[in-house]
Protein backbone atom coordinates (compact mmCIF):
# COMPACT_ATOMS: atom_id res chain seq x y z
CA ASP A 1 10.41 10.64 -6.20
CA VAL A 2 9.30 10.88 -2.60
CA LEU A 3 6.34 9.00 -1.16
CA LYS A 4 4.80 10.71 1.84
CA PHE A 5 2.26 9.58 4.38
CA ASP A 6 0.60 12.28 6.51
CA SER A 7 -1.24 11.63 9.76
CA LEU A 8 -4.47 13.33 10.66
CA ILE A 9 -4.18 16.67 12.44
CA GLN A 10 -3.41 15.97 16.10
CA ALA A 11 -6.34 16.78 18.40
CA HIS A 12 -3.95 16.60 21.39
CA SER A 13 -0.20 16.92 21.73
CA LEU A 14 1.63 13.65 21.09
CA TYR A 15 4.80 13.10 23.14
CA VAL A 16 7.37 10.81 21.51
CA CYS A 17 10.58 9.67 23.19
CA GLY A 18 12.82 6.79 22.15
CA ASP A 19 13.74 4.89 19.01
CA ILE A 20 11.62 5.38 15.90
CA TYR A 21 11.13 2.32 13.68
CA VAL A 22 9.55 1.62 10.32
CA ASP A 23 8.30 -1.83 9.37
CA LEU A 24 9.15 -1.52 5.68
CA HIS A 25 7.45 -3.78 3.16
CA ALA A 26 8.90 -2.79 -0.20
CA SER A 27 9.97 -4.00 -3.62
CA SER A 28 12.58 -2.80 -6.08
CA SER A 29 13.46 -3.53 -9.68
CA ASN A 30 17.16 -3.28 -8.76
CA PRO A 31 18.84 -5.38 -6.04
CA HIS A 32 21.34 -2.54 -5.40
CA THR A 33 19.06 0.10 -3.95
CA ASP A 34 18.56 2.56 -1.09
CA PHE A 35 15.56 3.51 1.00
CA PHE A 36 15.74 6.93 2.66
CA ILE A 37 13.26 7.30 5.51
CA LYS A 38 12.39 10.57 7.25
CA LEU A 39 9.94 11.52 10.00
CA CYS A 40 8.77 15.15 9.98
CA ASP A 41 6.62 17.44 12.13
CA VAL A 42 4.21 19.42 9.92
CA GLU A 43 2.39 22.59 10.95
CA ALA A 44 -1.17 22.17 9.71
CA GLU A 45 -1.88 25.84 8.97
CA SER A 46 1.33 26.72 7.12
CA SER A 47 2.28 23.18 5.97
CA LYS A 48 5.86 23.93 7.08
CA SER A 49 7.70 20.66 7.59
CA PHE A 50 10.48 20.17 10.15
CA ASN A 51 12.80 17.16 10.13
CA VAL A 52 12.67 15.05 13.29
CA VAL A 53 14.80 11.98 12.45
CA GLU A 54 16.01 10.22 9.31
CA CYS A 55 18.09 7.29 8.08
CA ILE A 56 19.19 5.58 4.91
CA THR A 57 19.25 1.82 4.36
CA ARG A 58 21.39 0.43 1.54
CA LEU A 59 20.42 -3.01 0.24
CA GLY A 60 22.41 -5.41 -1.92
CA PRO A 61 21.56 -8.69 -3.65
CA ASP A 62 21.83 -10.76 -0.44
CA ASP A 63 19.50 -8.51 1.59
CA TRP A 64 16.19 -9.37 -0.11
CA ASP A 65 13.66 -11.85 1.26
CA GLU A 66 12.29 -12.94 -2.09
CA VAL A 67 12.87 -12.53 -5.84
CA GLU A 68 9.91 -12.70 -8.19
CA ARG A 69 9.69 -12.58 -11.99
CA GLU A 70 7.14 -10.28 -13.63
CA GLY A 71 7.42 -10.91 -17.35
CA SER A 72 11.03 -10.18 -18.27
CA GLU A 73 11.75 -8.23 -15.06
CA GLU A 74 12.91 -9.39 -11.65
CA TRP A 75 11.43 -7.77 -8.54
CA PHE A 76 13.16 -7.94 -5.19
CA HIS A 77 10.93 -7.96 -2.08
CA VAL A 78 11.84 -7.13 1.50
CA ARG A 79 10.09 -6.93 4.87
CA ARG A 80 12.36 -5.38 7.42
CA ARG A 81 12.14 -3.40 10.66
CA ILE A 82 14.38 -0.39 10.19
CA LYS A 83 15.59 1.74 13.08
CA VAL A 84 15.22 5.31 11.86
CA GLY A 85 16.86 6.72 14.99
CA PRO A 86 16.20 8.13 18.46
CA THR A 87 14.25 11.27 19.19
CA ALA A 88 12.41 13.17 21.91
CA CYS A 89 9.82 15.58 20.58
CA VAL A 90 6.24 16.78 20.81
CA PHE A 91 3.87 16.80 17.86
CA LYS A 92 1.75 19.71 19.08
CA THR A 93 -2.02 20.02 18.90
CA GLY A 94 -2.89 21.15 15.37
CA HIS A 95 0.22 19.53 13.86
CA ARG A 96 0.54 16.31 11.93
CA PHE A 97 3.44 13.94 11.46
CA ARG A 98 4.74 12.86 8.08
CA LEU A 99 6.64 9.76 7.02
CA GLN A 100 8.66 10.19 3.83
CA ILE A 101 10.25 7.31 1.91
CA SER A 102 12.44 7.78 -1.15
CA GLY A 103 15.18 6.01 -3.07
CA GLY A 104 17.98 8.21 -1.80
CA ALA A 105 18.98 11.61 -0.48
CA HIS A 106 21.94 12.80 -2.56
CA PRO A 107 23.99 14.89 -1.70
CA LEU A 108 23.19 14.33 1.98
CA TYR A 109 24.09 10.65 1.54
CA MET A 110 26.37 9.27 -1.17
CA ARG A 111 24.49 8.32 -4.33
CA ASN A 112 23.86 4.64 -4.92
CA PHE A 113 24.81 3.98 -8.54
CA GLY A 114 22.70 0.81 -8.60
CA THR A 115 25.43 -1.38 -10.09
CA GLY A 116 27.08 -2.92 -7.05
CA HIS A 117 30.43 -1.41 -8.03
CA PRO A 118 32.45 0.35 -5.31
CA ILE A 119 31.42 4.00 -5.16
CA ALA A 120 34.90 5.27 -6.07
CA GLU A 121 34.97 3.06 -9.17
CA ALA A 122 31.40 3.41 -10.48
CA VAL A 123 31.24 4.78 -14.03
CA GLU A 124 27.60 4.03 -14.86
CA THR A 125 24.25 4.12 -13.14
CA ARG A 126 21.29 1.79 -13.14
CA SER A 127 17.90 3.15 -12.11
CA ALA A 128 15.42 1.43 -9.83
CA GLU A 129 11.67 1.50 -9.49
CA HIS A 130 10.38 1.13 -5.94
CA ARG A 131 7.05 -0.03 -4.63
CA ILE A 132 6.07 0.58 -1.01
CA ALA A 133 3.32 -1.73 0.24
CA ASP A 134 0.38 -0.27 2.13
CA ASP A 135 1.15 -2.38 5.20
CA THR A 136 4.39 -0.44 5.82
CA LYS A 137 4.14 0.90 9.38
CA LEU A 138 5.61 3.74 11.43
CA ILE A 139 6.28 2.78 15.06
CA LEU A 140 6.42 5.67 17.53
CA PRO A 141 7.28 5.34 21.24
CA VAL A 142 4.44 7.51 22.58
CA LEU A 143 4.51 8.80 26.16
CA THR A 144 1.55 9.84 28.29
CA HIS A 145 1.65 12.70 30.81
CA ASP A 146 1.92 10.07 33.56
CA ASP A 147 4.96 8.54 31.80
CA ILE A 148 6.60 11.96 31.60
CA ASP A 149 5.97 12.69 35.30
CA ALA A 150 7.32 9.27 36.32
CA LEU A 151 10.47 9.69 34.22
CA THR A 152 11.19 13.27 35.24
CA VAL A 153 13.94 13.67 37.81
CA TRP A 154 14.17 17.20 39.12
CA HIS A 155 17.65 18.50 39.78
CA PRO A 156 18.19 19.42 43.48
CA ALA A 157 19.11 22.97 42.47
CA TYR A 158 15.79 23.44 40.63
CA PRO A 159 13.80 26.10 42.54
CA HIS A 160 11.14 24.44 44.67
CA HIS A 161 8.70 27.33 44.23
CA VAL A 162 8.64 26.57 40.48
CA LEU A 163 7.92 22.89 41.18
CA ASP A 164 5.08 23.85 43.55
CA HIS A 165 3.61 26.19 40.91
CA GLN A 166 3.77 23.54 38.12
CA HIS A 167 2.06 20.83 40.14
CA ALA A 168 -0.49 23.02 41.87
């Protein structure tokens, strides 16, 4: 299953440049589990979704912050800032951005069998139930037009008449 969070439709273009992070607050019924995180650009009219950046985080028994018993089950809890990856993109006016979180992305990434056995030796699988807390956050490095102008270095060979036209 894939959990998705959609932003509101952007009233103005949103410029993003740098490392994308997610402050993940999650739980799993299996200490050997993956979290696949993806940021997408979504056209509002057509709902077409375009991948921007993604990552997978594999957790083992020593990676959890807390273990809690619920009846006969153990639940493993984690709060972690995860670097999804770098990007430079524009979420245009009329678009929205989408954060997707799932328990894996096979065959893009090797399946986690959930047993802790080495992948080449795994002969069984153990499923996991995930819970994503509502205080999980997406952190975007947003740039303003002033930031973009300050960071832009024009190449000396760039035609000056084009520069004059853009800043007129």
